[in-house]
Amino acid sequence: MNQINQKEILCEGIKQTGFLLNEYQAEQFLKYYELLVEWNQKINLTAITEFEQVVVKHFADSVSLLSAIEIPVHASMIDVGTGAGFPGIPLKIVRPDLNITLLDSLNKRVGFLNEIICSIHLEDTEGEIQAIHGRAEELSRSSLYRGQYDFAVSRAVSNISVISEYCIPFLKVNGIFAAYKSGGFAEEKLLYENGIKKLNAEIDFIKEFQITGANETADRTFVIIRKTDLTPDQYPRRSGIPEKRPLK
C-alpha cells in the first residue's frame, strides 16, 4: 500500500470521529505507524499491525473520545497504562493544546514513546507532553501526580472497578475518568458501580459507538466517571490487591 492510499484510509477513519486531519497531522500519524511497526519487532507493543486495523482499532478509536465528551483547551490529562501510546498520542496529535502525561510500567515502552514524541515533534506543540515510567498505584500517591489532572484516560482491559481505583486518584475533584471498554457493559456496571462510589466517584454516563473501515469494525463503549470528592487515603491499594479483590 503506497502512502497516498494510506493517507486516504487514515483521513477517512479519523473523519468518523468528527475530525478532519490537516496535512501535517496526517504525516504525524503515518510516521507514528511506521515507528510502531518498526519497534514492534523489538518489543511487544501491539498485536495489531496491518495498517487499516491500526487506523480503526487504535488511531480512530483513541480520537473518538473527543466526540463523546468536551475537553477544554489546555486541559491536563493522564493516560494510565498507555502502552504504545493509545489513546494519549492520537489525542495529542488532533488536540495539540492538551497537556498530556503518558504513564507506563515498562521502561522499554517509555523509550518508544519518547522516540515518537521527538520524531513527530509533539514536544513543540502548544501544550506539553511527557512519558513517564512507573506504576499507577505508586505514582498516584505522590503529591506531584495525585489530584493533579482534569482528565484520566485508559484503554486497559481490567474491569471498571480495578482501573477506576488506579486512575481516579490522579484526578482533581470534578475531574473526569474516561474508560475505553469493549462493546457491552451492563453486567459490569451493575457489579461494580458501588465500588466506584467508594472512591468518591460516580458513573456520569455511558456511550456506545462503532468505528468502521472498508474491512474493519470496532464496537466500543465509553464509561465516563466523574470524581465527586477527594479519593480516600487508602486508595489505591497496593499492587495486585485491586485485581484480587475488586471494589464492589
Protein backbone atom coordinates (compact mmCIF):
# COMPACT_ATOMS: atom_id res chain seq x y z
CA MET A 1 0.00 0.00 0.00
CA ASN A 2 1.51 3.35 -1.01
CA GLN A 3 1.49 6.43 1.19
CA ILE A 4 -1.28 8.15 -0.80
CA ASN A 5 -3.63 5.23 -0.19
CA GLN A 6 -2.61 5.08 3.45
CA LYS A 7 -3.36 8.77 3.85
CA GLU A 8 -6.83 8.35 2.34
CA ILE A 9 -7.65 5.44 4.65
CA LEU A 10 -6.29 7.37 7.63
CA CYS A 11 -8.25 10.55 6.91
CA GLU A 12 -11.48 8.64 6.31
CA GLY A 13 -11.01 6.71 9.52
CA ILE A 14 -10.43 9.80 11.65
CA LYS A 15 -13.26 11.65 9.86
CA GLN A 16 -15.74 9.27 11.51
CA THR A 17 -14.84 10.82 14.85
CA GLY A 18 -15.75 14.30 13.59
CA PHE A 19 -12.20 15.48 12.84
CA LEU A 20 -10.66 16.44 9.54
CA LEU A 21 -6.91 15.95 9.65
CA ASN A 22 -4.70 18.59 8.12
CA GLU A 23 -1.65 17.57 6.08
CA TYR A 24 0.75 17.89 9.00
CA GLN A 25 -1.40 15.78 11.33
CA ALA A 26 -1.77 13.08 8.67
CA GLU A 27 2.01 12.94 8.29
CA GLN A 28 2.37 12.66 12.06
CA PHE A 29 0.03 9.65 12.14
CA LEU A 30 1.83 7.97 9.24
CA LYS A 31 5.22 8.40 10.92
CA TYR A 32 3.72 7.09 14.16
CA TYR A 33 2.52 3.99 12.32
CA GLU A 34 5.92 3.48 10.68
CA LEU A 35 7.74 3.60 14.02
CA LEU A 36 5.10 1.45 15.70
CA VAL A 37 5.69 -1.37 13.22
CA GLU A 38 9.47 -0.95 13.40
CA TRP A 39 9.63 -1.02 17.20
CA ASN A 40 7.08 -3.83 17.41
CA GLN A 41 9.73 -6.15 16.01
CA LYS A 42 11.91 -5.42 19.05
CA ILE A 43 9.40 -5.11 21.91
CA ASN A 44 5.79 -6.15 22.29
CA LEU A 45 3.68 -3.06 21.57
CA THR A 46 0.61 -4.36 19.75
CA ALA A 47 -0.78 -7.49 18.13
CA ILE A 48 -2.41 -5.27 15.52
CA THR A 49 -0.01 -4.11 12.79
CA GLU A 50 -1.98 -4.13 9.50
CA PHE A 51 -2.49 -0.50 8.51
CA GLU A 52 -6.28 -0.35 8.30
CA GLN A 53 -6.64 -2.26 11.56
CA VAL A 54 -4.34 0.21 13.28
CA VAL A 55 -6.34 3.14 11.88
CA VAL A 56 -9.68 1.74 13.05
CA LYS A 57 -8.75 -0.02 16.29
CA HIS A 58 -6.01 2.30 17.55
CA PHE A 59 -5.98 5.73 15.89
CA ALA A 60 -9.68 6.45 15.30
CA ASP A 61 -10.67 4.56 18.43
CA SER A 62 -8.38 6.80 20.50
CA VAL A 63 -9.59 10.04 18.94
CA SER A 64 -13.28 9.08 19.24
CA LEU A 65 -13.26 10.22 22.87
CA LEU A 66 -13.48 13.79 21.61
CA SER A 67 -16.90 13.07 20.11
CA ALA A 68 -18.14 11.75 23.47
CA ILE A 69 -17.02 14.47 25.90
CA GLU A 70 -15.97 18.09 25.73
CA ILE A 71 -12.36 18.66 26.71
CA PRO A 72 -11.47 22.33 27.33
CA VAL A 73 -8.44 23.99 25.77
CA HIS A 74 -5.21 23.34 27.68
CA ALA A 75 -6.80 20.64 29.85
CA SER A 76 -4.44 18.29 31.68
CA MET A 77 -4.77 14.55 31.02
CA ILE A 78 -3.03 11.39 32.18
CA ASP A 79 -3.10 8.23 30.08
CA VAL A 80 -2.71 5.34 32.53
CA GLY A 81 -1.14 2.18 31.13
CA THR A 82 -0.64 3.86 27.78
CA GLY A 83 1.39 1.01 26.24
CA ALA A 84 2.17 2.05 22.67
CA GLY A 85 0.65 5.48 23.31
CA PHE A 86 -3.07 4.81 22.93
CA PRO A 87 -5.13 6.89 23.38
CA GLY A 88 -2.78 9.67 24.51
CA ILE A 89 -0.66 10.24 21.40
CA PRO A 90 -3.54 10.27 18.86
CA LEU A 91 -5.41 12.68 21.14
CA LYS A 92 -2.32 14.90 21.30
CA ILE A 93 -1.96 14.89 17.51
CA VAL A 94 -5.50 16.15 16.93
CA ARG A 95 -5.56 18.36 20.06
CA PRO A 96 -2.02 19.78 20.35
CA ASP A 97 -3.19 22.20 23.06
CA LEU A 98 -3.66 19.39 25.60
CA ASN A 99 -1.15 18.80 28.39
CA ILE A 100 -0.69 15.02 28.41
CA THR A 101 1.20 12.62 30.66
CA LEU A 102 1.76 9.12 29.27
CA LEU A 103 2.25 6.61 32.09
CA ASP A 104 3.53 3.08 31.57
CA SER A 105 5.10 0.48 33.85
CA LEU A 106 7.59 -0.83 31.25
CA ASN A 107 10.66 1.31 30.64
CA LYS A 108 11.19 -0.05 27.11
CA ARG A 109 7.75 1.22 26.09
CA VAL A 110 8.56 4.61 27.60
CA GLY A 111 11.64 4.65 25.36
CA PHE A 112 9.41 4.07 22.36
CA LEU A 113 7.02 6.82 23.45
CA ASN A 114 9.87 9.29 23.81
CA GLU A 115 11.04 8.49 20.28
CA ILE A 116 7.51 9.11 18.96
CA ILE A 117 7.28 12.40 20.85
CA CYS A 118 10.57 13.53 19.34
CA SER A 119 10.09 12.13 15.83
CA ILE A 120 6.67 13.71 15.22
CA HIS A 121 7.57 16.88 17.16
CA LEU A 122 4.90 16.64 19.85
CA GLU A 123 7.21 18.46 22.25
CA ASP A 124 6.96 21.54 20.02
CA THR A 125 3.17 21.87 20.36
CA GLU A 126 1.17 24.41 22.31
CA GLY A 127 0.56 22.03 25.21
CA GLU A 128 3.07 19.82 27.00
CA ILE A 129 3.61 16.07 26.76
CA GLN A 130 5.75 13.72 28.81
CA ALA A 131 6.20 9.96 29.04
CA ILE A 132 6.97 8.61 32.49
CA HIS A 133 7.90 5.19 33.80
CA GLY A 134 6.07 3.96 36.88
CA ARG A 135 3.17 2.09 38.38
CA ALA A 136 -0.14 3.87 38.85
CA GLU A 137 -0.62 2.59 42.39
CA GLU A 138 2.71 4.17 43.40
CA LEU A 139 2.74 7.42 41.43
CA SER A 140 -0.85 8.28 42.37
CA ARG A 141 0.32 8.55 45.99
CA SER A 142 2.88 11.21 45.08
CA SER A 143 1.84 14.85 45.54
CA LEU A 144 3.30 15.51 42.08
CA TYR A 145 0.53 13.45 40.48
CA ARG A 146 -2.30 12.79 42.93
CA GLY A 147 -5.24 15.09 42.35
CA GLN A 148 -3.44 16.99 39.57
CA TYR A 149 -5.35 16.15 36.36
CA ASP A 150 -8.57 17.33 34.72
CA PHE A 151 -8.93 14.05 32.82
CA ALA A 152 -7.68 10.49 33.10
CA VAL A 153 -8.00 8.00 30.25
CA SER A 154 -7.21 4.33 29.90
CA ARG A 155 -7.75 1.51 27.43
CA ALA A 156 -6.67 -1.11 29.98
CA VAL A 157 -8.57 -4.39 29.82
CA SER A 158 -9.12 -4.66 33.61
CA ASN A 159 -12.68 -4.44 34.89
CA ILE A 160 -14.04 -0.97 35.55
CA SER A 161 -13.60 -1.19 39.34
CA VAL A 162 -9.91 -2.10 39.09
CA ILE A 163 -8.97 0.52 36.51
CA SER A 164 -11.01 3.18 38.34
CA GLU A 165 -9.05 2.51 41.53
CA TYR A 166 -5.82 3.14 39.62
CA CYS A 167 -7.00 6.20 37.66
CA ILE A 168 -9.36 8.22 39.84
CA PRO A 169 -6.73 9.22 42.46
CA PHE A 170 -4.91 11.19 39.73
CA LEU A 171 -7.94 13.42 39.17
CA LYS A 172 -8.88 16.76 40.60
CA VAL A 173 -12.29 16.91 42.26
CA ASN A 174 -14.87 17.11 39.42
CA GLY A 175 -12.31 15.63 37.06
CA ILE A 176 -13.36 13.01 34.52
CA PHE A 177 -12.11 9.47 34.04
CA ALA A 178 -12.92 8.11 30.57
CA ALA A 179 -12.57 4.34 30.36
CA TYR A 180 -12.41 2.77 26.90
CA LYS A 181 -14.21 -0.58 27.08
CA SER A 182 -15.19 -3.22 24.55
CA GLY A 183 -18.81 -3.34 23.43
CA GLY A 184 -21.35 -4.20 26.14
CA PHE A 185 -21.10 -3.03 29.73
CA ALA A 186 -24.40 -3.62 31.55
CA GLU A 187 -23.30 -6.56 33.73
CA GLU A 188 -20.02 -4.92 34.73
CA LYS A 189 -21.84 -1.69 35.65
CA LEU A 190 -24.26 -3.48 37.98
CA LEU A 191 -21.45 -5.44 39.62
CA TYR A 192 -19.01 -2.59 40.25
CA GLU A 193 -20.97 0.68 40.41
CA ASN A 194 -20.99 0.69 44.23
CA GLY A 195 -17.24 0.07 44.27
CA ILE A 196 -16.67 3.20 42.19
CA LYS A 197 -18.67 5.18 44.76
CA LYS A 198 -16.20 4.08 47.45
CA LEU A 199 -13.59 6.07 45.50
CA ASN A 200 -15.82 9.16 45.78
CA ALA A 201 -16.75 8.97 42.13
CA GLU A 202 -19.81 8.07 40.10
CA ILE A 203 -20.65 6.94 36.60
CA ASP A 204 -21.78 10.04 34.73
CA PHE A 205 -22.89 8.36 31.51
CA ILE A 206 -22.13 5.52 29.13
CA LYS A 207 -21.81 5.91 25.38
CA GLU A 208 -21.58 3.06 22.90
CA PHE A 209 -20.09 3.66 19.47
CA GLN A 210 -18.75 1.90 16.41
CA ILE A 211 -15.87 2.71 14.08
CA THR A 212 -15.73 1.07 10.67
CA GLY A 213 -13.25 0.76 7.83
CA ALA A 214 -13.53 -0.99 4.49
CA ASN A 215 -12.70 -4.31 6.15
CA GLU A 216 -12.64 -3.48 9.85
CA THR A 217 -15.23 -2.69 12.52
CA ALA A 218 -14.71 -1.90 16.21
CA ASP A 219 -17.55 -1.86 18.76
CA ARG A 220 -16.63 0.20 21.81
CA THR A 221 -18.12 1.71 24.94
CA PHE A 222 -17.06 4.82 26.83
CA VAL A 223 -17.67 4.81 30.56
CA ILE A 224 -17.49 8.40 31.78
CA ILE A 225 -16.86 8.66 35.52
CA ARG A 226 -16.83 11.91 37.49
CA LYS A 227 -14.82 12.36 40.69
CA THR A 228 -17.11 13.92 43.30
CA ASP A 229 -14.71 14.36 46.24
CA LEU A 230 -11.14 13.64 47.32
CA THR A 231 -10.12 10.00 46.95
CA PRO A 232 -9.98 8.31 50.37
CA ASP A 233 -6.38 7.89 51.55
CA GLN A 234 -6.47 4.08 51.46
CA TYR A 235 -6.87 4.03 47.66
CA PRO A 236 -5.32 2.80 45.53
CA ARG A 237 -4.43 -0.31 47.47
CA ARG A 238 -1.02 -1.85 46.94
CA SER A 239 -0.14 -3.69 43.73
CA GLY A 240 -2.21 -6.77 42.97
CA ILE A 241 -4.90 -6.21 45.59
CA PRO A 242 -7.39 -4.40 43.30
CA GLU A 243 -7.24 -7.29 40.82
CA LYS A 244 -7.68 -9.92 43.54
CA ARG A 245 -10.39 -8.05 45.45
CA PRO A 246 -12.14 -5.53 43.16
CA LEU A 247 -14.20 -2.91 44.97
CA LYS A 248 -17.92 -3.74 44.96
